[in-house]
Amino acid sequence: MDWIKRWNFIERARYERQLIDAFGRGEDIDALAANCEPGFQKEVWEAMVPRIRKMERMMRDQQPPQS
């Protein structure tokens, strides 16, 4: 059963990366997650959207680095 856990981890990471890349391209990640086919990808994307939004808020509140 360990191979199932490993495969699940790899698939989850792949789907998370796809959504982060879409965010980086400026795509509407909320719409992508909402319109995704039901299943594991939708589950991962719906869980990832709030995490990306939280990172976005944290980055926006950061001060630019001092040179």
C-alpha atoms as a PDB file:
ATOM      1  CA  MET A   1       0.000   0.000   0.000  1.00  0.00           C
ATOM      2  CA  ASP A   2       2.981   2.362   0.305  1.00  0.00           C
ATOM      3  CA  TRP A   3       3.149   2.712  -3.479  1.00  0.00           C
ATOM      4  CA  ILE A   4      -0.417   4.076  -3.463  1.00  0.00           C
ATOM      5  CA  LYS A   5       0.521   6.729  -0.903  1.00  0.00           C
ATOM      6  CA  ARG A   6       3.594   7.663  -2.961  1.00  0.00           C
ATOM      7  CA  TRP A   7       1.608   7.864  -6.197  1.00  0.00           C
ATOM      8  CA  ASN A   8      -1.030   9.989  -4.452  1.00  0.00           C
ATOM      9  CA  PHE A   9       1.671  12.379  -3.183  1.00  0.00           C
ATOM     10  CA  ILE A  10       3.220  12.704  -6.645  1.00  0.00           C
ATOM     11  CA  GLU A  11      -0.155  13.289  -8.326  1.00  0.00           C
ATOM     12  CA  ARG A  12      -1.125  15.856  -5.696  1.00  0.00           C
ATOM     13  CA  ALA A  13       2.146  17.725  -6.200  1.00  0.00           C
ATOM     14  CA  ARG A  14       1.650  17.685  -9.976  1.00  0.00           C
ATOM     15  CA  TYR A  15      -1.876  19.127  -9.713  1.00  0.00           C
ATOM     16  CA  GLU A  16      -0.758  21.750  -7.186  1.00  0.00           C
ATOM     17  CA  ARG A  17       2.045  22.807  -9.529  1.00  0.00           C
ATOM     18  CA  GLN A  18      -0.378  23.094 -12.459  1.00  0.00           C
ATOM     19  CA  LEU A  19      -2.565  25.468 -10.465  1.00  0.00           C
ATOM     20  CA  ILE A  20       0.375  27.534  -9.205  1.00  0.00           C
ATOM     21  CA  ASP A  21       1.659  27.844 -12.775  1.00  0.00           C
ATOM     22  CA  ALA A  22      -1.809  28.959 -13.932  1.00  0.00           C
ATOM     23  CA  PHE A  23      -1.824  31.571 -11.161  1.00  0.00           C
ATOM     24  CA  GLY A  24       1.597  32.761 -12.301  1.00  0.00           C
ATOM     25  CA  ARG A  25       0.262  33.179 -15.842  1.00  0.00           C
ATOM     26  CA  GLY A  26      -2.575  35.317 -14.479  1.00  0.00           C
ATOM     27  CA  GLU A  27      -5.350  32.804 -15.122  1.00  0.00           C
ATOM     28  CA  ASP A  28      -8.490  32.771 -12.974  1.00  0.00           C
ATOM     29  CA  ILE A  29      -7.688  29.910 -10.591  1.00  0.00           C
ATOM     30  CA  ASP A  30     -11.095  30.119  -8.918  1.00  0.00           C
ATOM     31  CA  ALA A  31     -12.796  29.449 -12.272  1.00  0.00           C
ATOM     32  CA  LEU A  32     -10.324  26.683 -13.118  1.00  0.00           C
ATOM     33  CA  ALA A  33     -11.052  24.900  -9.843  1.00  0.00           C
ATOM     34  CA  ALA A  34     -14.810  25.398 -10.150  1.00  0.00           C
ATOM     35  CA  ASN A  35     -14.961  24.124 -13.740  1.00  0.00           C
ATOM     36  CA  CYS A  36     -12.620  21.176 -13.249  1.00  0.00           C
ATOM     37  CA  GLU A  37     -13.932  17.644 -13.780  1.00  0.00           C
ATOM     38  CA  PRO A  38     -15.042  16.037 -10.499  1.00  0.00           C
ATOM     39  CA  GLY A  39     -12.414  13.804  -8.963  1.00  0.00           C
ATOM     40  CA  PHE A  40      -8.987  13.974  -7.379  1.00  0.00           C
ATOM     41  CA  GLN A  41      -7.807  16.980  -9.414  1.00  0.00           C
ATOM     42  CA  LYS A  42     -10.843  19.022  -8.385  1.00  0.00           C
ATOM     43  CA  GLU A  43     -10.307  18.028  -4.759  1.00  0.00           C
ATOM     44  CA  VAL A  44      -6.669  19.150  -4.894  1.00  0.00           C
ATOM     45  CA  TRP A  45      -7.409  22.394  -6.751  1.00  0.00           C
ATOM     46  CA  GLU A  46     -10.259  23.378  -4.424  1.00  0.00           C
ATOM     47  CA  ALA A  47      -7.957  22.832  -1.445  1.00  0.00           C
ATOM     48  CA  MET A  48      -5.115  24.713  -3.131  1.00  0.00           C
ATOM     49  CA  VAL A  49      -6.997  27.897  -4.104  1.00  0.00           C
ATOM     50  CA  PRO A  50      -7.269  29.215  -0.504  1.00  0.00           C
ATOM     51  CA  ARG A  51      -3.593  28.395   0.078  1.00  0.00           C
ATOM     52  CA  ILE A  52      -2.576  30.355  -3.035  1.00  0.00           C
ATOM     53  CA  ARG A  53      -4.774  33.283  -1.960  1.00  0.00           C
ATOM     54  CA  LYS A  54      -3.146  33.241   1.478  1.00  0.00           C
ATOM     55  CA  MET A  55       0.334  33.280  -0.105  1.00  0.00           C
ATOM     56  CA  GLU A  56      -0.802  36.111  -2.371  1.00  0.00           C
ATOM     57  CA  ARG A  57      -1.944  38.194   0.636  1.00  0.00           C
ATOM     58  CA  MET A  58       1.284  37.483   2.517  1.00  0.00           C
ATOM     59  CA  MET A  59       3.402  38.500  -0.461  1.00  0.00           C
ATOM     60  CA  ARG A  60       1.363  41.649  -1.038  1.00  0.00           C
ATOM     61  CA  ASP A  61       1.863  42.718   2.605  1.00  0.00           C
ATOM     62  CA  GLN A  62       5.638  42.195   2.427  1.00  0.00           C
ATOM     63  CA  GLN A  63       7.964  45.169   2.272  1.00  0.00           C
ATOM     64  CA  PRO A  64      10.242  45.260  -0.773  1.00  0.00           C
ATOM     65  CA  PRO A  65      13.839  44.239   0.026  1.00  0.00           C
ATOM     66  CA  GLN A  66      16.202  47.054   0.951  1.00  0.00           C
ATOM     67  CA  SER A  67      19.181  47.417  -1.390  1.00  0.00           C
END
